[in-house]
Amino acid sequence: MPYGLLDKERNMIDEHKKTTGAQGADPDSWWEVDREILECLAGHGAMTLAEISRQLGLSEGEATSLLAMLAREGRVRICQVALAA
């Protein structure tokens, strides 16, 4: 694990475990999801957060947290922000 988890990310993992019934902390499963996100982007090109979430069966909050970690590691670039309507 190249970087430590932030409290917000730990809370997100704990919440995911509660809602899915996952047992124990398994950071390796999150790195597997990271790989799935990277493969999804490689196969589809740029995608919206909603598209990534839907494609991988994640909540938008989970996808946001994972993408933030990948961006901090320099593995993805988040490059578009739109004005809220």
N, C-alpha and C. Protein backbone atom coordinates (compact mmCIF):
# COMPACT_ATOMS: atom_id res chain seq x y z
N MET A 1 0.85 -1.17 0.00
CA MET A 1 0.00 0.00 0.00
C MET A 1 0.90 1.24 0.00
N PRO A 2 0.96 2.01 -1.12
CA PRO A 2 1.91 3.10 -1.22
C PRO A 2 1.57 4.29 -0.34
N TYR A 3 0.32 4.55 -0.06
CA TYR A 3 -0.07 5.69 0.74
C TYR A 3 -1.03 5.24 1.81
N GLY A 4 -0.97 5.90 2.96
CA GLY A 4 -1.90 5.58 4.03
C GLY A 4 -3.29 6.11 3.72
N LEU A 5 -4.30 5.53 4.34
CA LEU A 5 -5.66 5.98 4.14
C LEU A 5 -5.95 7.17 5.03
N LEU A 6 -6.73 8.10 4.53
CA LEU A 6 -7.21 9.22 5.32
C LEU A 6 -8.40 8.76 6.14
N ASP A 7 -8.71 9.50 7.21
CA ASP A 7 -9.85 9.14 8.05
C ASP A 7 -11.13 9.02 7.23
N LYS A 8 -11.35 9.95 6.29
CA LYS A 8 -12.55 9.90 5.46
C LYS A 8 -12.60 8.60 4.66
N GLU A 9 -11.45 8.17 4.15
CA GLU A 9 -11.42 6.94 3.36
C GLU A 9 -11.62 5.72 4.24
N ARG A 10 -11.06 5.74 5.44
CA ARG A 10 -11.31 4.63 6.38
C ARG A 10 -12.80 4.54 6.71
N ASN A 11 -13.42 5.72 6.93
CA ASN A 11 -14.86 5.74 7.23
C ASN A 11 -15.66 5.20 6.05
N MET A 12 -15.25 5.54 4.82
CA MET A 12 -15.93 5.06 3.62
C MET A 12 -15.83 3.53 3.54
N ILE A 13 -14.67 2.99 3.84
CA ILE A 13 -14.48 1.54 3.81
C ILE A 13 -15.34 0.89 4.89
N ASP A 14 -15.35 1.47 6.09
CA ASP A 14 -16.18 0.93 7.17
C ASP A 14 -17.66 0.94 6.79
N GLU A 15 -18.11 2.04 6.17
CA GLU A 15 -19.51 2.14 5.75
C GLU A 15 -19.83 1.09 4.69
N HIS A 16 -18.91 0.89 3.74
CA HIS A 16 -19.10 -0.12 2.70
C HIS A 16 -19.22 -1.51 3.33
N LYS A 17 -18.37 -1.78 4.32
CA LYS A 17 -18.42 -3.08 4.98
C LYS A 17 -19.77 -3.29 5.67
N LYS A 18 -20.30 -2.22 6.29
CA LYS A 18 -21.59 -2.33 6.97
C LYS A 18 -22.71 -2.61 5.98
N THR A 19 -22.72 -1.90 4.86
CA THR A 19 -23.82 -2.04 3.90
C THR A 19 -23.73 -3.32 3.09
N THR A 20 -22.53 -3.86 2.90
CA THR A 20 -22.38 -5.07 2.10
C THR A 20 -22.21 -6.33 2.94
N GLY A 21 -22.01 -6.14 4.24
CA GLY A 21 -21.79 -7.29 5.10
C GLY A 21 -20.39 -7.84 5.01
N ALA A 22 -19.47 -7.10 4.41
CA ALA A 22 -18.08 -7.55 4.29
C ALA A 22 -17.48 -7.69 5.68
N GLN A 23 -16.67 -8.71 5.87
CA GLN A 23 -16.05 -8.98 7.16
C GLN A 23 -14.59 -8.57 7.15
N GLY A 24 -14.15 -7.91 8.22
CA GLY A 24 -12.74 -7.58 8.37
C GLY A 24 -12.27 -6.52 7.40
N ALA A 25 -11.17 -5.90 7.74
CA ALA A 25 -10.58 -4.89 6.88
C ALA A 25 -9.69 -5.58 5.87
N ASP A 26 -10.00 -5.43 4.62
CA ASP A 26 -9.20 -6.05 3.56
C ASP A 26 -8.80 -4.99 2.55
N PRO A 27 -7.72 -4.25 2.83
CA PRO A 27 -7.30 -3.20 1.92
C PRO A 27 -7.00 -3.72 0.52
N ASP A 28 -6.60 -5.00 0.40
CA ASP A 28 -6.30 -5.55 -0.92
C ASP A 28 -7.53 -5.52 -1.82
N SER A 29 -8.72 -5.70 -1.25
CA SER A 29 -9.92 -5.66 -2.08
C SER A 29 -10.13 -4.27 -2.65
N TRP A 30 -9.72 -3.24 -1.91
CA TRP A 30 -9.85 -1.87 -2.43
C TRP A 30 -8.85 -1.63 -3.54
N TRP A 31 -7.67 -2.22 -3.45
CA TRP A 31 -6.70 -2.05 -4.53
C TRP A 31 -7.18 -2.79 -5.77
N GLU A 32 -7.96 -3.84 -5.58
CA GLU A 32 -8.58 -4.53 -6.72
C GLU A 32 -9.58 -3.60 -7.40
N VAL A 33 -10.35 -2.86 -6.61
CA VAL A 33 -11.30 -1.90 -7.18
C VAL A 33 -10.54 -0.79 -7.90
N ASP A 34 -9.41 -0.36 -7.34
CA ASP A 34 -8.57 0.63 -8.04
C ASP A 34 -8.21 0.11 -9.43
N ARG A 35 -7.80 -1.15 -9.50
CA ARG A 35 -7.43 -1.75 -10.79
C ARG A 35 -8.63 -1.76 -11.73
N GLU A 36 -9.80 -2.07 -11.20
CA GLU A 36 -11.01 -2.09 -12.03
C GLU A 36 -11.32 -0.69 -12.56
N ILE A 37 -11.14 0.32 -11.74
CA ILE A 37 -11.36 1.71 -12.19
C ILE A 37 -10.39 2.05 -13.31
N LEU A 38 -9.12 1.72 -13.12
CA LEU A 38 -8.12 2.02 -14.15
C LEU A 38 -8.42 1.28 -15.45
N GLU A 39 -8.82 0.01 -15.36
CA GLU A 39 -9.17 -0.76 -16.55
C GLU A 39 -10.40 -0.18 -17.24
N CYS A 40 -11.37 0.27 -16.46
CA CYS A 40 -12.58 0.86 -17.00
C CYS A 40 -12.23 2.12 -17.78
N LEU A 41 -11.39 2.97 -17.21
CA LEU A 41 -10.98 4.20 -17.89
C LEU A 41 -10.15 3.90 -19.13
N ALA A 42 -9.29 2.88 -19.05
CA ALA A 42 -8.47 2.51 -20.19
C ALA A 42 -9.34 2.01 -21.34
N GLY A 43 -10.40 1.31 -21.02
CA GLY A 43 -11.27 0.75 -22.05
C GLY A 43 -12.28 1.73 -22.62
N HIS A 44 -12.71 2.69 -21.80
CA HIS A 44 -13.77 3.60 -22.23
C HIS A 44 -13.29 5.03 -22.46
N GLY A 45 -12.10 5.37 -22.03
CA GLY A 45 -11.65 6.76 -22.10
C GLY A 45 -12.28 7.56 -20.97
N ALA A 46 -12.33 8.86 -21.12
CA ALA A 46 -12.87 9.73 -20.08
C ALA A 46 -14.32 9.35 -19.77
N MET A 47 -14.66 9.34 -18.50
CA MET A 47 -16.00 8.98 -18.06
C MET A 47 -16.43 9.92 -16.94
N THR A 48 -17.73 10.05 -16.77
CA THR A 48 -18.24 10.83 -15.65
C THR A 48 -18.20 9.97 -14.39
N LEU A 49 -18.30 10.60 -13.25
CA LEU A 49 -18.34 9.89 -11.98
C LEU A 49 -19.53 8.94 -11.96
N ALA A 50 -20.68 9.39 -12.45
CA ALA A 50 -21.87 8.55 -12.47
C ALA A 50 -21.66 7.31 -13.34
N GLU A 51 -20.99 7.47 -14.49
CA GLU A 51 -20.73 6.34 -15.38
C GLU A 51 -19.80 5.33 -14.72
N ILE A 52 -18.75 5.81 -14.07
CA ILE A 52 -17.82 4.91 -13.38
C ILE A 52 -18.55 4.16 -12.26
N SER A 53 -19.33 4.90 -11.48
CA SER A 53 -20.08 4.29 -10.37
C SER A 53 -21.01 3.20 -10.88
N ARG A 54 -21.75 3.51 -11.92
CA ARG A 54 -22.71 2.56 -12.48
C ARG A 54 -22.00 1.34 -13.07
N GLN A 55 -20.94 1.57 -13.80
CA GLN A 55 -20.19 0.48 -14.45
C GLN A 55 -19.63 -0.52 -13.43
N LEU A 56 -19.15 0.02 -12.28
CA LEU A 56 -18.48 -0.84 -11.30
C LEU A 56 -19.35 -1.19 -10.10
N GLY A 57 -20.59 -0.69 -10.08
CA GLY A 57 -21.48 -1.01 -8.97
C GLY A 57 -21.08 -0.35 -7.66
N LEU A 58 -20.53 0.87 -7.74
CA LEU A 58 -20.12 1.62 -6.56
C LEU A 58 -21.07 2.79 -6.34
N SER A 59 -21.15 3.26 -5.11
CA SER A 59 -21.87 4.51 -4.89
C SER A 59 -20.98 5.64 -5.41
N GLU A 60 -21.57 6.79 -5.67
CA GLU A 60 -20.76 7.92 -6.13
C GLU A 60 -19.77 8.35 -5.06
N GLY A 61 -20.14 8.22 -3.79
CA GLY A 61 -19.23 8.54 -2.70
C GLY A 61 -18.01 7.63 -2.67
N GLU A 62 -18.24 6.33 -2.86
CA GLU A 62 -17.13 5.37 -2.91
C GLU A 62 -16.22 5.67 -4.09
N ALA A 63 -16.84 5.91 -5.26
CA ALA A 63 -16.05 6.20 -6.45
C ALA A 63 -15.25 7.49 -6.27
N THR A 64 -15.86 8.50 -5.66
CA THR A 64 -15.17 9.77 -5.43
C THR A 64 -13.94 9.56 -4.56
N SER A 65 -14.10 8.81 -3.48
CA SER A 65 -12.99 8.56 -2.56
C SER A 65 -11.86 7.80 -3.26
N LEU A 66 -12.22 6.77 -4.00
CA LEU A 66 -11.21 5.98 -4.70
C LEU A 66 -10.52 6.79 -5.78
N LEU A 67 -11.26 7.59 -6.53
CA LEU A 67 -10.65 8.44 -7.55
C LEU A 67 -9.74 9.49 -6.93
N ALA A 68 -10.12 10.02 -5.78
CA ALA A 68 -9.25 10.99 -5.09
C ALA A 68 -7.93 10.34 -4.70
N MET A 69 -7.98 9.10 -4.22
CA MET A 69 -6.74 8.39 -3.87
C MET A 69 -5.89 8.16 -5.11
N LEU A 70 -6.52 7.74 -6.21
CA LEU A 70 -5.78 7.51 -7.45
C LEU A 70 -5.19 8.80 -7.99
N ALA A 71 -5.90 9.92 -7.85
CA ALA A 71 -5.38 11.22 -8.30
C ALA A 71 -4.19 11.64 -7.45
N ARG A 72 -4.27 11.44 -6.13
CA ARG A 72 -3.14 11.78 -5.25
C ARG A 72 -1.90 10.97 -5.61
N GLU A 73 -2.11 9.73 -6.04
CA GLU A 73 -0.99 8.86 -6.43
C GLU A 73 -0.49 9.17 -7.84
N GLY A 74 -1.18 10.06 -8.55
CA GLY A 74 -0.78 10.41 -9.91
C GLY A 74 -1.18 9.38 -10.95
N ARG A 75 -2.14 8.52 -10.62
CA ARG A 75 -2.54 7.44 -11.52
C ARG A 75 -3.71 7.83 -12.42
N VAL A 76 -4.48 8.85 -12.01
CA VAL A 76 -5.55 9.40 -12.84
C VAL A 76 -5.47 10.92 -12.74
N ARG A 77 -6.09 11.57 -13.70
CA ARG A 77 -6.16 13.03 -13.68
C ARG A 77 -7.63 13.41 -13.74
N ILE A 78 -8.04 14.21 -12.79
CA ILE A 78 -9.41 14.71 -12.77
C ILE A 78 -9.35 16.09 -13.40
N CYS A 79 -9.99 16.25 -14.56
CA CYS A 79 -9.70 17.45 -15.34
C CYS A 79 -10.92 18.28 -15.74
N GLN A 80 -12.10 17.98 -15.26
CA GLN A 80 -13.24 18.80 -15.65
C GLN A 80 -14.14 19.02 -14.45
N VAL A 81 -14.52 20.27 -14.28
CA VAL A 81 -15.46 20.65 -13.23
C VAL A 81 -16.50 21.56 -13.89
N ALA A 82 -17.75 21.32 -13.61
CA ALA A 82 -18.82 22.12 -14.20
C ALA A 82 -19.51 22.95 -13.14
N LEU A 83 -20.03 24.08 -13.53
CA LEU A 83 -20.79 24.95 -12.64
C LEU A 83 -22.12 24.29 -12.33
N ALA A 84 -22.47 24.24 -11.08
CA ALA A 84 -23.76 23.65 -10.68
C ALA A 84 -24.90 24.51 -11.22
N ALA A 85 -25.94 23.87 -11.66
CA ALA A 85 -27.08 24.61 -12.24
C ALA A 85 -27.94 25.21 -11.16
